[in-house]
Amino acid sequence: MKSILRDLYRHQSWADAEHWRLIAAYDRARDDETIRTRLHHIHVVQHAFRWIIGDRRSPPQFTKAEDFATFDALREYARSYHADVEPWLSSLTDDRLSTSIDVPFFKDPPLTITVAEALTQCAMHSQHHRGQNAARLRELGGAPENTDYIVWLWKGRPAPVW
């Protein structure tokens, strides 16, 4: 399980970096409020899941898109997650991955899942919203590229270029 999760997160980092590169290269997309809001959502959820799975000693930091004055400031927020999560993910043991945790955002009924399931959800959530942004990029006249997991494998598991 750990090797699959490691691959999913390496893919997530590459796909996020590619996604940002494509959006940054096209002014209409870069300035689009829908894309900007969704970019923020992708990364605030990533940060939230890192908190959910972590020690929870300090409260989670919930930001808003408008907290980031520039596109580049928001991109740095995205990149900082990936810089933090890679070494942390490598430190997780099989015991920790199978540990049950409560997801505090689900109250009625409460949700208890494993750390591995939470990590999987986070990766899948990001993929879903990258797809929405790719469709929006195309609507604006841009040319999204395929950032699917299988494309990452086909390209030889490239490292992200932020």
C-alpha atoms as a PDB file:
ATOM      1  CA  MET A   1       0.000   0.000   0.000  1.00  0.00           C
ATOM      2  CA  LYS A   2       2.764   2.437   0.875  1.00  0.00           C
ATOM      3  CA  SER A   3       4.380   2.221  -2.575  1.00  0.00           C
ATOM      4  CA  ILE A   4       1.037   2.877  -4.291  1.00  0.00           C
ATOM      5  CA  LEU A   5       0.383   5.894  -2.072  1.00  0.00           C
ATOM      6  CA  ARG A   6       3.897   7.185  -2.664  1.00  0.00           C
ATOM      7  CA  ASP A   7       3.279   6.959  -6.421  1.00  0.00           C
ATOM      8  CA  LEU A   8      -0.114   8.661  -6.111  1.00  0.00           C
ATOM      9  CA  TYR A   9       1.485  11.557  -4.251  1.00  0.00           C
ATOM     10  CA  ARG A  10       4.417  11.859  -6.626  1.00  0.00           C
ATOM     11  CA  HIS A  11       1.887  11.923  -9.441  1.00  0.00           C
ATOM     12  CA  GLN A  12      -0.196  14.498  -7.556  1.00  0.00           C
ATOM     13  CA  SER A  13       2.821  16.761  -7.204  1.00  0.00           C
ATOM     14  CA  TRP A  14       3.742  16.436 -10.890  1.00  0.00           C
ATOM     15  CA  ALA A  15       0.128  16.888 -12.040  1.00  0.00           C
ATOM     16  CA  ASP A  16      -0.369  19.936  -9.827  1.00  0.00           C
ATOM     17  CA  ALA A  17       2.848  21.507 -11.132  1.00  0.00           C
ATOM     18  CA  GLU A  18       1.833  20.826 -14.740  1.00  0.00           C
ATOM     19  CA  HIS A  19      -1.618  22.203 -14.055  1.00  0.00           C
ATOM     20  CA  TRP A  20      -0.167  25.419 -12.628  1.00  0.00           C
ATOM     21  CA  ARG A  21       2.271  25.723 -15.544  1.00  0.00           C
ATOM     22  CA  LEU A  22      -0.525  25.449 -18.115  1.00  0.00           C
ATOM     23  CA  ILE A  23      -2.749  27.945 -16.327  1.00  0.00           C
ATOM     24  CA  ALA A  24       0.111  30.396 -15.752  1.00  0.00           C
ATOM     25  CA  ALA A  25       0.947  30.355 -19.465  1.00  0.00           C
ATOM     26  CA  TYR A  26      -2.509  31.552 -20.512  1.00  0.00           C
ATOM     27  CA  ASP A  27      -3.531  34.982 -19.181  1.00  0.00           C
ATOM     28  CA  ARG A  28      -7.284  34.407 -19.492  1.00  0.00           C
ATOM     29  CA  ALA A  29      -6.996  31.298 -17.321  1.00  0.00           C
ATOM     30  CA  ARG A  30      -4.508  32.859 -14.946  1.00  0.00           C
ATOM     31  CA  ASP A  31      -6.920  35.753 -14.305  1.00  0.00           C
ATOM     32  CA  ASP A  32     -10.095  33.656 -14.212  1.00  0.00           C
ATOM     33  CA  GLU A  33     -11.849  33.805 -10.834  1.00  0.00           C
ATOM     34  CA  THR A  34     -13.395  30.337 -11.210  1.00  0.00           C
ATOM     35  CA  ILE A  35     -10.002  28.745 -11.829  1.00  0.00           C
ATOM     36  CA  ARG A  36      -8.335  30.738  -9.054  1.00  0.00           C
ATOM     37  CA  THR A  37     -11.018  29.766  -6.542  1.00  0.00           C
ATOM     38  CA  ARG A  38     -10.785  26.120  -7.543  1.00  0.00           C
ATOM     39  CA  LEU A  39      -6.971  26.177  -7.380  1.00  0.00           C
ATOM     40  CA  HIS A  40      -7.213  27.464  -3.846  1.00  0.00           C
ATOM     41  CA  HIS A  41      -9.804  24.814  -2.989  1.00  0.00           C
ATOM     42  CA  ILE A  42      -7.550  22.018  -4.275  1.00  0.00           C
ATOM     43  CA  HIS A  43      -4.693  23.121  -2.075  1.00  0.00           C
ATOM     44  CA  VAL A  44      -6.586  24.114   1.058  1.00  0.00           C
ATOM     45  CA  VAL A  45      -8.081  20.615   1.023  1.00  0.00           C
ATOM     46  CA  GLN A  46      -4.616  19.099   0.584  1.00  0.00           C
ATOM     47  CA  HIS A  47      -3.381  21.086   3.576  1.00  0.00           C
ATOM     48  CA  ALA A  48      -6.499  20.086   5.551  1.00  0.00           C
ATOM     49  CA  PHE A  49      -5.929  16.395   4.870  1.00  0.00           C
ATOM     50  CA  ARG A  50      -2.307  16.748   5.935  1.00  0.00           C
ATOM     51  CA  TRP A  51      -3.651  18.163   9.212  1.00  0.00           C
ATOM     52  CA  ILE A  52      -6.345  15.455   9.540  1.00  0.00           C
ATOM     53  CA  ILE A  53      -3.741  12.723   9.215  1.00  0.00           C
ATOM     54  CA  GLY A  54      -1.135  14.519  11.322  1.00  0.00           C
ATOM     55  CA  ASP A  55      -0.863  15.031  15.049  1.00  0.00           C
ATOM     56  CA  ARG A  56      -3.565  17.773  15.189  1.00  0.00           C
ATOM     57  CA  ARG A  57      -1.735  19.562  17.994  1.00  0.00           C
ATOM     58  CA  SER A  58      -2.351  22.952  16.425  1.00  0.00           C
ATOM     59  CA  PRO A  59      -5.590  24.064  14.792  1.00  0.00           C
ATOM     60  CA  PRO A  60      -5.931  23.726  11.037  1.00  0.00           C
ATOM     61  CA  GLN A  61      -5.157  26.784   8.921  1.00  0.00           C
ATOM     62  CA  PHE A  62      -8.135  27.467   6.673  1.00  0.00           C
ATOM     63  CA  THR A  63      -7.290  30.163   4.173  1.00  0.00           C
ATOM     64  CA  LYS A  64      -9.421  31.838   1.520  1.00  0.00           C
ATOM     65  CA  ALA A  65      -8.433  32.486  -2.083  1.00  0.00           C
ATOM     66  CA  GLU A  66      -8.381  36.215  -1.398  1.00  0.00           C
ATOM     67  CA  ASP A  67      -5.740  35.696   1.307  1.00  0.00           C
ATOM     68  CA  PHE A  68      -3.256  35.346  -1.564  1.00  0.00           C
ATOM     69  CA  ALA A  69      -2.652  38.685  -3.254  1.00  0.00           C
ATOM     70  CA  THR A  70      -1.125  37.211  -6.388  1.00  0.00           C
ATOM     71  CA  PHE A  71      -1.283  34.135  -8.544  1.00  0.00           C
ATOM     72  CA  ASP A  72       2.331  33.389  -7.608  1.00  0.00           C
ATOM     73  CA  ALA A  73       1.587  33.626  -3.872  1.00  0.00           C
ATOM     74  CA  LEU A  74      -1.184  31.070  -4.287  1.00  0.00           C
ATOM     75  CA  ARG A  75       1.143  28.861  -6.345  1.00  0.00           C
ATOM     76  CA  GLU A  76       3.723  29.015  -3.533  1.00  0.00           C
ATOM     77  CA  TYR A  77       1.032  27.871  -1.086  1.00  0.00           C
ATOM     78  CA  ALA A  78       0.370  24.897  -3.385  1.00  0.00           C
ATOM     79  CA  ARG A  79       4.060  24.106  -3.767  1.00  0.00           C
ATOM     80  CA  SER A  80       4.667  24.304  -0.019  1.00  0.00           C
ATOM     81  CA  TYR A  81       2.225  21.462   0.557  1.00  0.00           C
ATOM     82  CA  HIS A  82       4.110  19.191  -1.814  1.00  0.00           C
ATOM     83  CA  ALA A  83       7.467  20.113  -0.297  1.00  0.00           C
ATOM     84  CA  ASP A  84       6.115  19.142   3.132  1.00  0.00           C
ATOM     85  CA  VAL A  85       4.111  16.039   2.271  1.00  0.00           C
ATOM     86  CA  GLU A  86       6.758  14.036   0.378  1.00  0.00           C
ATOM     87  CA  PRO A  87       9.191  13.503   3.298  1.00  0.00           C
ATOM     88  CA  TRP A  88       6.301  13.102   5.745  1.00  0.00           C
ATOM     89  CA  LEU A  89       4.665  10.442   3.572  1.00  0.00           C
ATOM     90  CA  SER A  90       7.942   8.527   3.362  1.00  0.00           C
ATOM     91  CA  SER A  91       8.049   8.373   7.160  1.00  0.00           C
ATOM     92  CA  LEU A  92       4.642   6.686   7.511  1.00  0.00           C
ATOM     93  CA  THR A  93       4.683   3.081   8.658  1.00  0.00           C
ATOM     94  CA  ASP A  94       2.248   0.352   7.620  1.00  0.00           C
ATOM     95  CA  ASP A  95       0.827   0.491  11.147  1.00  0.00           C
ATOM     96  CA  ARG A  96       0.154   4.213  10.813  1.00  0.00           C
ATOM     97  CA  LEU A  97      -1.447   3.739   7.383  1.00  0.00           C
ATOM     98  CA  SER A  98      -3.894   1.233   8.858  1.00  0.00           C
ATOM     99  CA  THR A  99      -4.722   3.435  11.863  1.00  0.00           C
ATOM    100  CA  SER A 100      -8.330   4.642  12.033  1.00  0.00           C
ATOM    101  CA  ILE A 101      -8.914   8.376  12.281  1.00  0.00           C
ATOM    102  CA  ASP A 102     -12.010  10.509  12.629  1.00  0.00           C
ATOM    103  CA  VAL A 103     -12.616  13.047   9.863  1.00  0.00           C
ATOM    104  CA  PRO A 104     -13.851  16.061  11.829  1.00  0.00           C
ATOM    105  CA  PHE A 105     -15.775  17.617   8.932  1.00  0.00           C
ATOM    106  CA  PHE A 106     -18.341  14.803   8.873  1.00  0.00           C
ATOM    107  CA  LYS A 107     -20.659  15.061  11.863  1.00  0.00           C
ATOM    108  CA  ASP A 108     -23.932  13.297  11.131  1.00  0.00           C
ATOM    109  CA  PRO A 109     -23.054  10.528  10.872  1.00  0.00           C
ATOM    110  CA  PRO A 110     -19.404  10.763  11.908  1.00  0.00           C
ATOM    111  CA  LEU A 111     -16.776   9.344   9.575  1.00  0.00           C
ATOM    112  CA  THR A 112     -13.924   7.083  10.632  1.00  0.00           C
ATOM    113  CA  ILE A 113     -11.484   5.925   7.955  1.00  0.00           C
ATOM    114  CA  THR A 114      -7.898   4.734   7.839  1.00  0.00           C
ATOM    115  CA  VAL A 115      -4.954   7.028   7.198  1.00  0.00           C
ATOM    116  CA  ALA A 116      -4.448   5.210   3.863  1.00  0.00           C
ATOM    117  CA  GLU A 117      -8.061   5.908   2.888  1.00  0.00           C
ATOM    118  CA  ALA A 118      -7.679   9.581   3.808  1.00  0.00           C
ATOM    119  CA  LEU A 119      -4.532   9.835   1.691  1.00  0.00           C
ATOM    120  CA  THR A 120      -6.308   8.172  -1.212  1.00  0.00           C
ATOM    121  CA  GLN A 121      -9.239  10.588  -0.925  1.00  0.00           C
ATOM    122  CA  CYS A 122      -6.916  13.574  -0.982  1.00  0.00           C
ATOM    123  CA  ALA A 123      -5.193  12.398  -4.171  1.00  0.00           C
ATOM    124  CA  MET A 124      -8.500  11.620  -5.881  1.00  0.00           C
ATOM    125  CA  HIS A 125     -10.029  14.941  -4.827  1.00  0.00           C
ATOM    126  CA  SER A 126      -7.159  16.846  -6.424  1.00  0.00           C
ATOM    127  CA  GLN A 127      -7.510  14.886  -9.660  1.00  0.00           C
ATOM    128  CA  HIS A 128     -11.231  15.670  -9.813  1.00  0.00           C
ATOM    129  CA  HIS A 129     -10.714  19.419  -9.523  1.00  0.00           C
ATOM    130  CA  ARG A 130      -7.760  19.490 -11.936  1.00  0.00           C
ATOM    131  CA  GLY A 131     -10.178  17.969 -14.449  1.00  0.00           C
ATOM    132  CA  GLN A 132     -12.696  20.739 -13.801  1.00  0.00           C
ATOM    133  CA  ASN A 133     -10.009  23.370 -14.276  1.00  0.00           C
ATOM    134  CA  ALA A 134      -8.817  21.685 -17.474  1.00  0.00           C
ATOM    135  CA  ALA A 135     -12.358  21.926 -18.856  1.00  0.00           C
ATOM    136  CA  ARG A 136     -12.527  25.599 -17.839  1.00  0.00           C
ATOM    137  CA  LEU A 137      -9.131  26.255 -19.434  1.00  0.00           C
ATOM    138  CA  ARG A 138     -10.458  24.802 -22.705  1.00  0.00           C
ATOM    139  CA  GLU A 139     -13.634  26.954 -22.422  1.00  0.00           C
ATOM    140  CA  LEU A 140     -11.392  30.026 -22.148  1.00  0.00           C
ATOM    141  CA  GLY A 141      -9.524  29.051 -25.321  1.00  0.00           C
ATOM    142  CA  GLY A 142      -6.501  27.424 -23.689  1.00  0.00           C
ATOM    143  CA  ALA A 143      -5.066  24.003 -24.362  1.00  0.00           C
ATOM    144  CA  PRO A 144      -4.999  21.723 -21.312  1.00  0.00           C
ATOM    145  CA  GLU A 145      -2.707  18.730 -21.337  1.00  0.00           C
ATOM    146  CA  ASN A 146      -3.484  15.320 -19.949  1.00  0.00           C
ATOM    147  CA  THR A 147      -2.195  14.942 -16.383  1.00  0.00           C
ATOM    148  CA  ASP A 148      -3.722  11.517 -15.742  1.00  0.00           C
ATOM    149  CA  TYR A 149      -1.816   9.058 -13.600  1.00  0.00           C
ATOM    150  CA  ILE A 150      -1.280   6.766 -16.582  1.00  0.00           C
ATOM    151  CA  VAL A 151       0.279   9.622 -18.578  1.00  0.00           C
ATOM    152  CA  TRP A 152       2.685  10.239 -15.698  1.00  0.00           C
ATOM    153  CA  LEU A 153       3.628   6.541 -15.750  1.00  0.00           C
ATOM    154  CA  TRP A 154       4.013   6.620 -19.545  1.00  0.00           C
ATOM    155  CA  LYS A 155       6.319   9.632 -19.326  1.00  0.00           C
ATOM    156  CA  GLY A 156       8.546   7.744 -16.895  1.00  0.00           C
ATOM    157  CA  ARG A 157       7.272   9.223 -13.608  1.00  0.00           C
ATOM    158  CA  PRO A 158       8.731  12.703 -14.143  1.00  0.00           C
ATOM    159  CA  ALA A 159       9.469  14.937 -11.182  1.00  0.00           C
ATOM    160  CA  PRO A 160       7.387  18.084 -10.802  1.00  0.00           C
ATOM    161  CA  VAL A 161       8.708  21.315 -12.246  1.00  0.00           C
ATOM    162  CA  TRP A 162       7.248  24.175 -10.244  1.00  0.00           C
END
